[in-house]
Amino acid sequence: MMKIIRIVFYWLASFVAYFASVLLFGAVVGAILFVLFGAITHPHLEVPYRLAKGVTNGMMLATVWGPAIAIVLCFMQGHRRNQAKRLASPEEPA
């Protein structure tokens, strides 16, 4: 029973870590793009306002894509782990 709980928490932590990294990436990219393109399109707005708007919009878009990307990355990680485990174990004769 303890092994199952450990496995569940491992995959839950992996999902949360991947999701958080997607959110962070979206926030950083949003902030950079809003500051750069905001200077061209809306030069009258202050930089901190454009920065805050970029972070919130970037995180909002990343919230849409984050769970799907996190699930795909978890499946990829699980597949790699199973492949490594299968290669490490001796082959059974058919």
PDB file of N, CA and C in Angstrom:
ATOM      1  N   MET A   1       0.818  -1.196   0.000  1.00  0.00           N
ATOM      2  CA  MET A   1       0.000   0.000   0.000  1.00  0.00           C
ATOM      3  C   MET A   1       0.860   1.258   0.000  1.00  0.00           C
ATOM      4  N   MET A   2       1.947   1.223   0.752  1.00  0.00           N
ATOM      5  CA  MET A   2       2.833   2.382   0.836  1.00  0.00           C
ATOM      6  C   MET A   2       3.495   2.658  -0.513  1.00  0.00           C
ATOM      7  N   LYS A   3       3.789   1.600  -1.260  1.00  0.00           N
ATOM      8  CA  LYS A   3       4.413   1.771  -2.570  1.00  0.00           C
ATOM      9  C   LYS A   3       3.459   2.483  -3.529  1.00  0.00           C
ATOM     10  N   ILE A   4       2.184   2.147  -3.464  1.00  0.00           N
ATOM     11  CA  ILE A   4       1.189   2.775  -4.336  1.00  0.00           C
ATOM     12  C   ILE A   4       1.056   4.262  -3.995  1.00  0.00           C
ATOM     13  N   ILE A   5       1.042   4.580  -2.721  1.00  0.00           N
ATOM     14  CA  ILE A   5       0.936   5.976  -2.298  1.00  0.00           C
ATOM     15  C   ILE A   5       2.158   6.768  -2.761  1.00  0.00           C
ATOM     16  N   ARG A   6       3.325   6.158  -2.661  1.00  0.00           N
ATOM     17  CA  ARG A   6       4.550   6.815  -3.101  1.00  0.00           C
ATOM     18  C   ARG A   6       4.521   7.074  -4.601  1.00  0.00           C
ATOM     19  N   ILE A   7       4.035   6.107  -5.375  1.00  0.00           N
ATOM     20  CA  ILE A   7       3.951   6.265  -6.822  1.00  0.00           C
ATOM     21  C   ILE A   7       2.955   7.372  -7.191  1.00  0.00           C
ATOM     22  N   VAL A   8       1.812   7.389  -6.504  1.00  0.00           N
ATOM     23  CA  VAL A   8       0.799   8.426  -6.778  1.00  0.00           C
ATOM     24  C   VAL A   8       1.368   9.810  -6.480  1.00  0.00           C
ATOM     25  N   PHE A   9       2.034   9.966  -5.343  1.00  0.00           N
ATOM     26  CA  PHE A   9       2.608  11.264  -5.012  1.00  0.00           C
ATOM     27  C   PHE A   9       3.733  11.644  -5.970  1.00  0.00           C
ATOM     28  N   TYR A  10       4.491  10.668  -6.453  1.00  0.00           N
ATOM     29  CA  TYR A  10       5.557  10.955  -7.420  1.00  0.00           C
ATOM     30  C   TYR A  10       4.972  11.545  -8.700  1.00  0.00           C
ATOM     31  N   TRP A  11       3.921  10.905  -9.228  1.00  0.00           N
ATOM     32  CA  TRP A  11       3.347  11.391 -10.481  1.00  0.00           C
ATOM     33  C   TRP A  11       2.584  12.685 -10.277  1.00  0.00           C
ATOM     34  N   LEU A  12       1.977  12.856  -9.136  1.00  0.00           N
ATOM     35  CA  LEU A  12       1.297  14.118  -8.835  1.00  0.00           C
ATOM     36  C   LEU A  12       2.311  15.259  -8.737  1.00  0.00           C
ATOM     37  N   ALA A  13       3.421  15.005  -8.092  1.00  0.00           N
ATOM     38  CA  ALA A  13       4.471  16.021  -7.988  1.00  0.00           C
ATOM     39  C   ALA A  13       5.073  16.322  -9.354  1.00  0.00           C
ATOM     40  N   SER A  14       5.235  15.298 -10.185  1.00  0.00           N
ATOM     41  CA  SER A  14       5.747  15.523 -11.541  1.00  0.00           C
ATOM     42  C   SER A  14       4.788  16.401 -12.338  1.00  0.00           C
ATOM     43  N   PHE A  15       3.493  16.103 -12.237  1.00  0.00           N
ATOM     44  CA  PHE A  15       2.495  16.894 -12.957  1.00  0.00           C
ATOM     45  C   PHE A  15       2.525  18.351 -12.497  1.00  0.00           C
ATOM     46  N   VAL A  16       2.563  18.563 -11.186  1.00  0.00           N
ATOM     47  CA  VAL A  16       2.573  19.928 -10.647  1.00  0.00           C
ATOM     48  C   VAL A  16       3.847  20.666 -11.060  1.00  0.00           C
ATOM     49  N   ALA A  17       4.973  19.973 -11.057  1.00  0.00           N
ATOM     50  CA  ALA A  17       6.232  20.604 -11.452  1.00  0.00           C
ATOM     51  C   ALA A  17       6.209  21.001 -12.926  1.00  0.00           C
ATOM     52  N   TYR A  18       5.728  20.112 -13.789  1.00  0.00           N
ATOM     53  CA  TYR A  18       5.637  20.452 -15.212  1.00  0.00           C
ATOM     54  C   TYR A  18       4.661  21.603 -15.430  1.00  0.00           C
ATOM     55  N   PHE A  19       3.524  21.566 -14.749  1.00  0.00           N
ATOM     56  CA  PHE A  19       2.525  22.623 -14.889  1.00  0.00           C
ATOM     57  C   PHE A  19       3.083  23.961 -14.412  1.00  0.00           C
ATOM     58  N   ALA A  20       3.797  23.956 -13.293  1.00  0.00           N
ATOM     59  CA  ALA A  20       4.387  25.190 -12.771  1.00  0.00           C
ATOM     60  C   ALA A  20       5.444  25.740 -13.718  1.00  0.00           C
ATOM     61  N   SER A  21       6.214  24.859 -14.348  1.00  0.00           N
ATOM     62  CA  SER A  21       7.233  25.335 -15.287  1.00  0.00           C
ATOM     63  C   SER A  21       6.584  25.940 -16.532  1.00  0.00           C
ATOM     64  N   VAL A  22       5.469  25.381 -16.992  1.00  0.00           N
ATOM     65  CA  VAL A  22       4.751  25.970 -18.124  1.00  0.00           C
ATOM     66  C   VAL A  22       4.181  27.331 -17.731  1.00  0.00           C
ATOM     67  N   LEU A  23       3.648  27.451 -16.519  1.00  0.00           N
ATOM     68  CA  LEU A  23       3.134  28.740 -16.043  1.00  0.00           C
ATOM     69  C   LEU A  23       4.245  29.785 -15.954  1.00  0.00           C
ATOM     70  N   LEU A  24       5.378  29.383 -15.432  1.00  0.00           N
ATOM     71  CA  LEU A  24       6.507  30.304 -15.330  1.00  0.00           C
ATOM     72  C   LEU A  24       6.974  30.745 -16.711  1.00  0.00           C
ATOM     73  N   PHE A  25       7.069  29.808 -17.631  1.00  0.00           N
ATOM     74  CA  PHE A  25       7.475  30.133 -18.996  1.00  0.00           C
ATOM     75  C   PHE A  25       6.493  31.110 -19.632  1.00  0.00           C
ATOM     76  N   GLY A  26       5.191  30.867 -19.459  1.00  0.00           N
ATOM     77  CA  GLY A  26       4.182  31.761 -20.017  1.00  0.00           C
ATOM     78  C   GLY A  26       4.253  33.152 -19.420  1.00  0.00           C
ATOM     79  N   ALA A  27       4.493  33.230 -18.124  1.00  0.00           N
ATOM     80  CA  ALA A  27       4.582  34.536 -17.468  1.00  0.00           C
ATOM     81  C   ALA A  27       5.791  35.324 -17.962  1.00  0.00           C
ATOM     82  N   VAL A  28       6.921  34.649 -18.092  1.00  0.00           N
ATOM     83  CA  VAL A  28       8.140  35.327 -18.542  1.00  0.00           C
ATOM     84  C   VAL A  28       8.006  35.779 -19.990  1.00  0.00           C
ATOM     85  N   VAL A  29       7.529  34.895 -20.855  1.00  0.00           N
ATOM     86  CA  VAL A  29       7.368  35.259 -22.267  1.00  0.00           C
ATOM     87  C   VAL A  29       6.336  36.369 -22.419  1.00  0.00           C
ATOM     88  N   GLY A  30       5.232  36.279 -21.689  1.00  0.00           N
ATOM     89  CA  GLY A  30       4.224  37.325 -21.746  1.00  0.00           C
ATOM     90  C   GLY A  30       4.764  38.667 -21.298  1.00  0.00           C
ATOM     91  N   ALA A  31       5.525  38.675 -20.226  1.00  0.00           N
ATOM     92  CA  ALA A  31       6.092  39.924 -19.726  1.00  0.00           C
ATOM     93  C   ALA A  31       7.056  40.543 -20.742  1.00  0.00           C
ATOM     94  N   ILE A  32       7.908  39.715 -21.316  1.00  0.00           N
ATOM     95  CA  ILE A  32       8.879  40.229 -22.288  1.00  0.00           C
ATOM     96  C   ILE A  32       8.172  40.764 -23.528  1.00  0.00           C
ATOM     97  N   LEU A  33       7.222  40.003 -24.055  1.00  0.00           N
ATOM     98  CA  LEU A  33       6.531  40.433 -25.265  1.00  0.00           C
ATOM     99  C   LEU A  33       5.697  41.687 -25.036  1.00  0.00           C
ATOM    100  N   PHE A  34       5.022  41.774 -23.904  1.00  0.00           N
ATOM    101  CA  PHE A  34       4.201  42.958 -23.647  1.00  0.00           C
ATOM    102  C   PHE A  34       5.064  44.201 -23.461  1.00  0.00           C
ATOM    103  N   VAL A  35       6.212  44.055 -22.847  1.00  0.00           N
ATOM    104  CA  VAL A  35       7.082  45.219 -22.675  1.00  0.00           C
ATOM    105  C   VAL A  35       7.646  45.653 -24.025  1.00  0.00           C
ATOM    106  N   LEU A  36       8.090  44.695 -24.842  1.00  0.00           N
ATOM    107  CA  LEU A  36       8.686  45.046 -26.130  1.00  0.00           C
ATOM    108  C   LEU A  36       7.656  45.583 -27.115  1.00  0.00           C
ATOM    109  N   PHE A  37       6.597  44.832 -27.338  1.00  0.00           N
ATOM    110  CA  PHE A  37       5.607  45.262 -28.316  1.00  0.00           C
ATOM    111  C   PHE A  37       4.722  46.382 -27.777  1.00  0.00           C
ATOM    112  N   GLY A  38       4.567  46.476 -26.478  1.00  0.00           N
ATOM    113  CA  GLY A  38       3.810  47.571 -25.891  1.00  0.00           C
ATOM    114  C   GLY A  38       4.503  48.911 -26.084  1.00  0.00           C
ATOM    115  N   ALA A  39       5.831  48.892 -26.117  1.00  0.00           N
ATOM    116  CA  ALA A  39       6.573  50.123 -26.364  1.00  0.00           C
ATOM    117  C   ALA A  39       6.318  50.634 -27.785  1.00  0.00           C
ATOM    118  N   ILE A  40       6.046  49.736 -28.700  1.00  0.00           N
ATOM    119  CA  ILE A  40       5.780  50.123 -30.088  1.00  0.00           C
ATOM    120  C   ILE A  40       4.323  50.540 -30.263  1.00  0.00           C
ATOM    121  N   THR A  41       3.417  49.734 -29.713  1.00  0.00           N
ATOM    122  CA  THR A  41       1.997  49.970 -29.970  1.00  0.00           C
ATOM    123  C   THR A  41       1.363  50.960 -28.993  1.00  0.00           C
ATOM    124  N   HIS A  42       1.782  50.950 -27.735  1.00  0.00           N
ATOM    125  CA  HIS A  42       1.210  51.845 -26.712  1.00  0.00           C
ATOM    126  C   HIS A  42       2.331  52.509 -25.919  1.00  0.00           C
ATOM    127  N   PRO A  43       3.036  53.446 -26.513  1.00  0.00           N
ATOM    128  CA  PRO A  43       4.161  54.057 -25.782  1.00  0.00           C
ATOM    129  C   PRO A  43       3.727  54.926 -24.608  1.00  0.00           C
ATOM    130  N   HIS A  44       2.463  55.315 -24.550  1.00  0.00           N
ATOM    131  CA  HIS A  44       2.002  56.164 -23.456  1.00  0.00           C
ATOM    132  C   HIS A  44       1.792  55.374 -22.155  1.00  0.00           C
ATOM    133  N   LEU A  45       1.702  54.048 -22.222  1.00  0.00           N
ATOM    134  CA  LEU A  45       1.523  53.242 -21.010  1.00  0.00           C
ATOM    135  C   LEU A  45       2.863  53.044 -20.311  1.00  0.00           C
ATOM    136  N   GLU A  46       2.815  52.973 -18.991  1.00  0.00           N
ATOM    137  CA  GLU A  46       4.039  52.802 -18.218  1.00  0.00           C
ATOM    138  C   GLU A  46       4.547  51.366 -18.321  1.00  0.00           C
ATOM    139  N   VAL A  47       5.840  51.205 -18.150  1.00  0.00           N
ATOM    140  CA  VAL A  47       6.468  49.885 -18.260  1.00  0.00           C
ATOM    141  C   VAL A  47       5.963  48.918 -17.178  1.00  0.00           C
ATOM    142  N   PRO A  48       5.840  49.335 -15.911  1.00  0.00           N
ATOM    143  CA  PRO A  48       5.320  48.376 -14.912  1.00  0.00           C
ATOM    144  C   PRO A  48       3.904  47.888 -15.230  1.00  0.00           C
ATOM    145  N   TYR A  49       3.088  48.756 -15.801  1.00  0.00           N
ATOM    146  CA  TYR A  49       1.734  48.337 -16.175  1.00  0.00           C
ATOM    147  C   TYR A  49       1.784  47.308 -17.291  1.00  0.00           C
ATOM    148  N   ARG A  50       2.601  47.578 -18.313  1.00  0.00           N
ATOM    149  CA  ARG A  50       2.734  46.608 -19.410  1.00  0.00           C
ATOM    150  C   ARG A  50       3.332  45.303 -18.914  1.00  0.00           C
ATOM    151  N   LEU A  51       4.266  45.379 -17.994  1.00  0.00           N
ATOM    152  CA  LEU A  51       4.871  44.178 -17.419  1.00  0.00           C
ATOM    153  C   LEU A  51       3.837  43.351 -16.664  1.00  0.00           C
ATOM    154  N   ALA A  52       3.040  44.009 -15.831  1.00  0.00           N
ATOM    155  CA  ALA A  52       2.007  43.299 -15.070  1.00  0.00           C
ATOM    156  C   ALA A  52       0.958  42.705 -15.994  1.00  0.00           C
ATOM    157  N   LYS A  53       0.572  43.451 -17.020  1.00  0.00           N
ATOM    158  CA  LYS A  53      -0.411  42.952 -17.980  1.00  0.00           C
ATOM    159  C   LYS A  53       0.157  41.749 -18.746  1.00  0.00           C
ATOM    160  N   GLY A  54       1.427  41.794 -19.089  1.00  0.00           N
ATOM    161  CA  GLY A  54       2.059  40.675 -19.788  1.00  0.00           C
ATOM    162  C   GLY A  54       2.140  39.425 -18.939  1.00  0.00           C
ATOM    163  N   VAL A  55       2.466  39.589 -17.663  1.00  0.00           N
ATOM    164  CA  VAL A  55       2.540  38.435 -16.760  1.00  0.00           C
ATOM    165  C   VAL A  55       1.165  37.792 -16.613  1.00  0.00           C
ATOM    166  N   THR A  56       0.128  38.619 -16.390  1.00  0.00           N
ATOM    167  CA  THR A  56      -1.207  38.045 -16.190  1.00  0.00           C
ATOM    168  C   THR A  56      -1.730  37.389 -17.465  1.00  0.00           C
ATOM    169  N   ASN A  57      -1.544  38.025 -18.612  1.00  0.00           N
ATOM    170  CA  ASN A  57      -2.020  37.419 -19.857  1.00  0.00           C
ATOM    171  C   ASN A  57      -1.213  36.181 -20.225  1.00  0.00           C
ATOM    172  N   GLY A  58       0.087  36.215 -19.999  1.00  0.00           N
ATOM    173  CA  GLY A  58       0.919  35.045 -20.279  1.00  0.00           C
ATOM    174  C   GLY A  58       0.551  33.863 -19.397  1.00  0.00           C
ATOM    175  N   MET A  59       0.291  34.148 -18.125  1.00  0.00           N
ATOM    176  CA  MET A  59      -0.114  33.068 -17.227  1.00  0.00           C
ATOM    177  C   MET A  59      -1.504  32.547 -17.561  1.00  0.00           C
ATOM    178  N   MET A  60      -2.391  33.435 -18.007  1.00  0.00           N
ATOM    179  CA  MET A  60      -3.734  32.982 -18.373  1.00  0.00           C
ATOM    180  C   MET A  60      -3.676  32.040 -19.575  1.00  0.00           C
ATOM    181  N   LEU A  61      -2.876  32.390 -20.565  1.00  0.00           N
ATOM    182  CA  LEU A  61      -2.737  31.497 -21.722  1.00  0.00           C
ATOM    183  C   LEU A  61      -2.020  30.202 -21.338  1.00  0.00           C
ATOM    184  N   ALA A  62      -1.031  30.306 -20.470  1.00  0.00           N
ATOM    185  CA  ALA A  62      -0.317  29.105 -20.030  1.00  0.00           C
ATOM    186  C   ALA A  62      -1.206  28.210 -19.186  1.00  0.00           C
ATOM    187  N   THR A  63      -2.180  28.778 -18.498  1.00  0.00           N
ATOM    188  CA  THR A  63      -3.115  27.975 -17.711  1.00  0.00           C
ATOM    189  C   THR A  63      -3.983  27.115 -18.619  1.00  0.00           C
ATOM    190  N   VAL A  64      -4.245  27.594 -19.817  1.00  0.00           N
ATOM    191  CA  VAL A  64      -5.028  26.807 -20.771  1.00  0.00           C
ATOM    192  C   VAL A  64      -4.213  25.631 -21.285  1.00  0.00           C
ATOM    193  N   TRP A  65      -2.970  25.896 -21.650  1.00  0.00           N
ATOM    194  CA  TRP A  65      -2.133  24.853 -22.255  1.00  0.00           C
ATOM    195  C   TRP A  65      -1.366  24.026 -21.235  1.00  0.00           C
ATOM    196  N   GLY A  66      -1.168  24.533 -20.041  1.00  0.00           N
ATOM    197  CA  GLY A  66      -0.332  23.883 -19.041  1.00  0.00           C
ATOM    198  C   GLY A  66      -0.730  22.473 -18.657  1.00  0.00           C
ATOM    199  N   PRO A  67      -1.999  22.203 -18.321  1.00  0.00           N
ATOM    200  CA  PRO A  67      -2.362  20.840 -17.929  1.00  0.00           C
ATOM    201  C   PRO A  67      -2.144  19.815 -19.032  1.00  0.00           C
ATOM    202  N   ALA A  68      -2.467  20.178 -20.257  1.00  0.00           N
ATOM    203  CA  ALA A  68      -2.278  19.235 -21.365  1.00  0.00           C
ATOM    204  C   ALA A  68      -0.800  18.947 -21.593  1.00  0.00           C
ATOM    205  N   ILE A  69       0.020  19.972 -21.553  1.00  0.00           N
ATOM    206  CA  ILE A  69       1.462  19.777 -21.735  1.00  0.00           C
ATOM    207  C   ILE A  69       2.024  18.952 -20.581  1.00  0.00           C
ATOM    208  N   ALA A  70       1.559  19.206 -19.353  1.00  0.00           N
ATOM    209  CA  ALA A  70       2.048  18.456 -18.192  1.00  0.00           C
ATOM    210  C   ALA A  70       1.677  16.980 -18.289  1.00  0.00           C
ATOM    211  N   ILE A  71       0.467  16.680 -18.740  1.00  0.00           N
ATOM    212  CA  ILE A  71       0.055  15.276 -18.884  1.00  0.00           C
ATOM    213  C   ILE A  71       0.902  14.584 -19.937  1.00  0.00           C
ATOM    214  N   VAL A  72       1.127  15.250 -21.066  1.00  0.00           N
ATOM    215  CA  VAL A  72       1.946  14.654 -22.124  1.00  0.00           C
ATOM    216  C   VAL A  72       3.366  14.415 -21.629  1.00  0.00           C
ATOM    217  N   LEU A  73       3.934  15.361 -20.911  1.00  0.00           N
ATOM    218  CA  LEU A  73       5.292  15.186 -20.388  1.00  0.00           C
ATOM    219  C   LEU A  73       5.363  14.072 -19.349  1.00  0.00           C
ATOM    220  N   CYS A  74       4.316  13.908 -18.547  1.00  0.00           N
ATOM    221  CA  CYS A  74       4.285  12.794 -17.589  1.00  0.00           C
ATOM    222  C   CYS A  74       4.235  11.452 -18.319  1.00  0.00           C
ATOM    223  N   PHE A  75       3.427  11.354 -19.367  1.00  0.00           N
ATOM    224  CA  PHE A  75       3.384  10.117 -20.137  1.00  0.00           C
ATOM    225  C   PHE A  75       4.726   9.833 -20.801  1.00  0.00           C
ATOM    226  N   MET A  76       5.376  10.861 -21.317  1.00  0.00           N
ATOM    227  CA  MET A  76       6.691  10.667 -21.923  1.00  0.00           C
ATOM    228  C   MET A  76       7.710  10.195 -20.893  1.00  0.00           C
ATOM    229  N   GLN A  77       7.660  10.778 -19.702  1.00  0.00           N
ATOM    230  CA  GLN A  77       8.558  10.368 -18.632  1.00  0.00           C
ATOM    231  C   GLN A  77       8.292   8.922 -18.216  1.00  0.00           C
ATOM    232  N   GLY A  78       7.017   8.555 -18.095  1.00  0.00           N
ATOM    233  CA  GLY A  78       6.674   7.183 -17.737  1.00  0.00           C
ATOM    234  C   GLY A  78       7.126   6.183 -18.791  1.00  0.00           C
ATOM    235  N   HIS A  79       6.980   6.556 -20.059  1.00  0.00           N
ATOM    236  CA  HIS A  79       7.417   5.668 -21.133  1.00  0.00           C
ATOM    237  C   HIS A  79       8.927   5.471 -21.092  1.00  0.00           C
ATOM    238  N   ARG A  80       9.664   6.559 -20.863  1.00  0.00           N
ATOM    239  CA  ARG A  80      11.128   6.443 -20.767  1.00  0.00           C
ATOM    240  C   ARG A  80      11.543   5.577 -19.584  1.00  0.00           C
ATOM    241  N   ARG A  81      10.844   5.738 -18.455  1.00  0.00           N
ATOM    242  CA  ARG A  81      11.160   4.924 -17.274  1.00  0.00           C
ATOM    243  C   ARG A  81      10.884   3.447 -17.530  1.00  0.00           C
ATOM    244  N   ASN A  82       9.762   3.150 -18.178  1.00  0.00           N
ATOM    245  CA  ASN A  82       9.443   1.757 -18.471  1.00  0.00           C
ATOM    246  C   ASN A  82      10.416   1.159 -19.484  1.00  0.00           C
ATOM    247  N   GLN A  83      10.826   1.949 -20.460  1.00  0.00           N
ATOM    248  CA  GLN A  83      11.815   1.449 -21.421  1.00  0.00           C
ATOM    249  C   GLN A  83      13.138   1.154 -20.722  1.00  0.00           C
ATOM    250  N   ALA A  84      13.585   2.043 -19.860  1.00  0.00           N
ATOM    251  CA  ALA A  84      14.846   1.826 -19.149  1.00  0.00           C
ATOM    252  C   ALA A  84      14.750   0.609 -18.241  1.00  0.00           C
ATOM    253  N   LYS A  85      13.596   0.432 -17.584  1.00  0.00           N
ATOM    254  CA  LYS A  85      13.407  -0.721 -16.709  1.00  0.00           C
ATOM    255  C   LYS A  85      13.407  -2.016 -17.523  1.00  0.00           C
ATOM    256  N   ARG A  86      12.768  -1.978 -18.698  1.00  0.00           N
ATOM    257  CA  ARG A  86      12.703  -3.159 -19.547  1.00  0.00           C
ATOM    258  C   ARG A  86      14.080  -3.530 -20.095  1.00  0.00           C
ATOM    259  N   LEU A  87      14.878  -2.534 -20.443  1.00  0.00           N
ATOM    260  CA  LEU A  87      16.226  -2.816 -20.946  1.00  0.00           C
ATOM    261  C   LEU A  87      17.145  -3.304 -19.848  1.00  0.00           C
ATOM    262  N   ALA A  88      16.914  -2.859 -18.627  1.00  0.00           N
ATOM    263  CA  ALA A  88      17.779  -3.281 -17.507  1.00  0.00           C
ATOM    264  C   ALA A  88      17.473  -4.708 -17.047  1.00  0.00           C
ATOM    265  N   SER A  89      16.227  -5.141 -17.213  1.00  0.00           N
ATOM    266  CA  SER A  89      15.893  -6.484 -16.770  1.00  0.00           C
ATOM    267  C   SER A  89      16.264  -7.505 -17.849  1.00  0.00           C
ATOM    268  N   PRO A  90      16.673  -8.710 -17.420  1.00  0.00           N
ATOM    269  CA  PRO A  90      17.017  -9.733 -18.408  1.00  0.00           C
ATOM    270  C   PRO A  90      15.777 -10.179 -19.197  1.00  0.00           C
ATOM    271  N   GLU A  91      16.013 -10.470 -20.447  1.00  0.00           N
ATOM    272  CA  GLU A  91      14.906 -10.891 -21.300  1.00  0.00           C
ATOM    273  C   GLU A  91      14.435 -12.290 -20.930  1.00  0.00           C
ATOM    274  N   GLU A  92      13.147 -12.488 -20.983  1.00  0.00           N
ATOM    275  CA  GLU A  92      12.588 -13.801 -20.700  1.00  0.00           C
ATOM    276  C   GLU A  92      12.405 -14.535 -22.020  1.00  0.00           C
ATOM    277  N   PRO A  93      12.736 -15.840 -22.051  1.00  0.00           N
ATOM    278  CA  PRO A  93      12.532 -16.577 -23.307  1.00  0.00           C
ATOM    279  C   PRO A  93      11.048 -16.760 -23.592  1.00  0.00           C
ATOM    280  N   ALA A  94      10.715 -16.677 -24.854  1.00  0.00           N
ATOM    281  CA  ALA A  94       9.306 -16.815 -25.253  1.00  0.00           C
ATOM    282  C   ALA A  94       8.885 -18.244 -25.333  1.00  0.00           C
TER     283      ALA A  94
END
